[in-house]
Amino acid sequence: MRDAIRQRRSIRKFTAQSVPDELVDHVLDAARWAPSGLNNQPWRFAVVRDASLKEEMSRLTKYGAIVTSADVLIAVFFDHMSGYDRTKDLQAIGACIQNMLLAVHDLGLGGVWLGEILKSSSEVKALLGAPEPYEFMALVAFGYPDGKPPRAPLRKRLSELVFFRR
């Protein structure tokens, strides 16, 4: 697991190769196993593969080229009806997304977590027909990587991050 965490990269360019549905389901299954307070599992997903729908979504973000080139988009929503504590629920959704990205990497695929599209939350929600209590949280784009992954970004030393030990 340590290697997967360290080797995973945000991939923003994809080939035209189609990702089999069973791999998409594997990514979704990894997502649902994330921890959540009271096991409330506040996440909900919309899977987008349709080219015309991806084209419409691409107009809602400055990262439109990523949206249109990825074979699969998973829009992640927070279901307010299943929530019990917003902070804990949002932390759980972050863990859910990280599980997805690690599963994508484990399957030999590449993916990226897109957040800038949140500025167009209401438009995304309308395009996908999301129910009223769902709040758009992120878009995960993935597919087969086109090219080598980028070099690992520098990480701060632990001494720069840990401010208390006793």
Protein backbone atom coordinates (compact mmCIF):
# COMPACT_ATOMS: atom_id res chain seq x y z
CA MET A 1 0.00 0.00 0.00
CA ARG A 2 2.86 2.36 0.80
CA ASP A 3 4.12 2.07 -2.77
CA ALA A 4 0.65 2.76 -4.22
CA ILE A 5 0.33 5.90 -2.12
CA ARG A 6 3.74 7.14 -3.17
CA GLN A 7 3.50 6.17 -6.85
CA ARG A 8 0.00 7.45 -7.59
CA ARG A 9 0.01 10.61 -9.71
CA SER A 10 -2.65 12.91 -11.09
CA ILE A 11 -3.00 11.95 -14.75
CA ARG A 12 -4.56 14.56 -17.01
CA LYS A 13 -4.14 13.06 -20.48
CA PHE A 14 -5.71 9.82 -21.62
CA THR A 15 -5.75 7.48 -24.62
CA ALA A 16 -8.95 6.69 -26.51
CA GLN A 17 -8.97 3.11 -25.13
CA SER A 18 -12.22 2.23 -23.38
CA VAL A 19 -12.14 1.17 -19.74
CA PRO A 20 -14.17 -2.04 -19.23
CA ASP A 21 -17.29 -1.67 -17.09
CA GLU A 22 -15.97 -4.19 -14.57
CA LEU A 23 -12.98 -1.91 -13.88
CA VAL A 24 -15.31 1.05 -13.40
CA ASP A 25 -17.27 -1.04 -10.91
CA HIS A 26 -14.02 -1.97 -9.16
CA VAL A 27 -13.27 1.75 -8.69
CA LEU A 28 -16.79 2.38 -7.38
CA ASP A 29 -16.52 -0.60 -5.04
CA ALA A 30 -13.26 0.76 -3.61
CA ALA A 31 -15.02 4.09 -3.05
CA ARG A 32 -17.85 2.57 -1.06
CA TRP A 33 -15.40 0.91 1.35
CA ALA A 34 -14.11 4.24 2.62
CA PRO A 35 -14.67 4.92 6.31
CA SER A 36 -17.58 7.14 7.32
CA GLY A 37 -18.98 8.28 10.66
CA LEU A 38 -21.73 5.95 11.90
CA ASN A 39 -21.12 4.05 8.63
CA ASN A 40 -23.56 6.47 6.99
CA GLN A 41 -21.80 6.29 3.59
CA PRO A 42 -22.90 9.78 2.53
CA TRP A 43 -21.49 9.56 -0.99
CA ARG A 44 -23.48 9.09 -4.18
CA PHE A 45 -22.12 8.74 -7.70
CA ALA A 46 -23.01 9.57 -11.27
CA VAL A 47 -20.98 7.73 -13.91
CA VAL A 48 -20.57 9.59 -17.19
CA ARG A 49 -19.26 7.92 -20.34
CA ASP A 50 -21.44 9.55 -22.97
CA ALA A 51 -19.30 11.76 -25.25
CA SER A 52 -21.96 14.45 -25.76
CA LEU A 53 -22.59 14.73 -22.02
CA LYS A 54 -18.84 14.94 -21.37
CA GLU A 55 -18.65 17.71 -23.98
CA GLU A 56 -21.39 19.65 -22.16
CA MET A 57 -19.60 19.18 -18.85
CA SER A 58 -16.28 20.26 -20.37
CA ARG A 59 -17.75 23.72 -20.98
CA LEU A 60 -18.24 24.13 -17.22
CA THR A 61 -14.55 24.04 -16.32
CA LYS A 62 -11.25 25.42 -17.51
CA TYR A 63 -10.07 21.78 -17.50
CA GLY A 64 -12.43 20.84 -20.33
CA ALA A 65 -9.72 18.96 -22.24
CA ILE A 66 -9.32 16.56 -19.31
CA VAL A 67 -13.08 16.04 -19.09
CA THR A 68 -13.45 15.21 -22.79
CA SER A 69 -10.35 13.01 -23.04
CA ALA A 70 -11.10 10.82 -19.99
CA ASP A 71 -13.04 7.67 -20.81
CA VAL A 72 -14.86 7.78 -17.47
CA LEU A 73 -16.06 10.59 -15.25
CA ILE A 74 -17.44 9.95 -11.80
CA ALA A 75 -19.28 12.86 -10.25
CA VAL A 76 -19.24 12.52 -6.48
CA PHE A 77 -22.13 13.91 -4.46
CA PHE A 78 -22.89 14.35 -0.77
CA ASP A 79 -26.37 13.05 0.05
CA HIS A 80 -27.61 15.41 2.75
CA MET A 81 -30.34 12.94 3.71
CA SER A 82 -27.74 10.41 4.84
CA GLY A 83 -25.47 12.93 6.54
CA TYR A 84 -25.23 13.53 10.25
CA ASP A 85 -22.26 15.86 10.73
CA ARG A 86 -21.12 17.95 7.76
CA THR A 87 -17.44 18.03 8.71
CA LYS A 88 -17.26 14.28 9.27
CA ASP A 89 -19.31 13.59 6.15
CA LEU A 90 -17.02 15.72 3.96
CA GLN A 91 -13.96 14.03 5.43
CA ALA A 92 -15.52 10.66 4.57
CA ILE A 93 -16.17 11.80 1.01
CA GLY A 94 -12.51 12.83 0.73
CA ALA A 95 -11.51 9.33 1.87
CA CYS A 96 -13.94 7.88 -0.67
CA ILE A 97 -12.31 9.88 -3.47
CA GLN A 98 -8.82 8.86 -2.34
CA ASN A 99 -9.93 5.20 -2.41
CA MET A 100 -11.09 5.73 -5.99
CA LEU A 101 -7.78 7.27 -7.03
CA LEU A 102 -5.79 4.46 -5.41
CA ALA A 103 -7.99 1.85 -7.13
CA VAL A 104 -7.53 3.62 -10.46
CA HIS A 105 -3.76 3.50 -9.96
CA ASP A 106 -3.85 -0.14 -8.82
CA LEU A 107 -5.69 -1.10 -12.03
CA GLY A 108 -3.00 0.48 -14.21
CA LEU A 109 -5.25 3.38 -15.11
CA GLY A 110 -4.68 7.07 -14.54
CA GLY A 111 -6.98 9.56 -12.90
CA VAL A 112 -7.34 13.01 -11.46
CA TRP A 113 -9.56 14.69 -8.87
CA LEU A 114 -11.10 17.84 -10.37
CA GLY A 115 -12.41 20.47 -7.98
CA GLU A 116 -12.41 23.66 -10.05
CA ILE A 117 -15.65 22.54 -11.71
CA LEU A 118 -17.38 23.10 -8.36
CA LYS A 119 -17.92 26.71 -9.47
CA SER A 120 -20.51 25.19 -11.82
CA SER A 121 -22.13 22.89 -9.25
CA SER A 122 -25.72 23.77 -10.08
CA GLU A 123 -25.14 23.22 -13.81
CA VAL A 124 -23.48 19.83 -13.20
CA LYS A 125 -26.28 18.81 -10.89
CA ALA A 126 -28.88 19.76 -13.52
CA LEU A 127 -27.03 17.98 -16.35
CA LEU A 128 -26.85 14.78 -14.33
CA GLY A 129 -30.37 15.00 -12.91
CA ALA A 130 -29.08 14.75 -9.35
CA PRO A 131 -31.80 14.71 -6.68
CA GLU A 132 -32.33 17.85 -4.59
CA PRO A 133 -30.57 16.65 -1.40
CA TYR A 134 -27.37 15.85 -3.37
CA GLU A 135 -24.51 18.36 -3.27
CA PHE A 136 -21.80 18.10 -5.94
CA MET A 137 -18.39 17.52 -4.30
CA ALA A 138 -15.90 16.58 -7.02
CA LEU A 139 -15.35 15.07 -10.42
CA VAL A 140 -12.97 12.15 -10.81
CA ALA A 141 -11.76 11.67 -14.39
CA PHE A 142 -9.94 8.50 -15.40
CA GLY A 143 -8.87 6.27 -18.23
CA TYR A 144 -5.75 4.76 -19.71
CA PRO A 145 -2.84 7.19 -19.32
CA ASP A 146 -1.37 8.76 -22.44
CA GLY A 147 2.34 8.88 -21.68
CA LYS A 148 4.42 8.48 -18.56
CA PRO A 149 3.19 9.82 -15.23
CA PRO A 150 4.68 13.10 -14.10
CA ARG A 151 7.60 13.15 -11.72
CA ALA A 152 6.74 12.95 -8.03
CA PRO A 153 6.21 16.39 -6.54
CA LEU A 154 8.42 17.35 -3.65
CA ARG A 155 6.92 16.74 -0.26
CA LYS A 156 7.61 18.74 2.86
CA ARG A 157 9.71 17.08 5.53
CA LEU A 158 7.80 15.66 8.49
CA SER A 159 9.56 18.19 10.68
CA GLU A 160 7.77 20.93 8.72
CA LEU A 161 4.37 19.31 9.21
CA VAL A 162 4.34 17.85 12.71
CA PHE A 163 4.05 20.64 15.25
CA PHE A 164 3.47 18.57 18.39
CA ARG A 165 4.76 15.28 19.78
CA ARG A 166 4.74 14.12 23.36
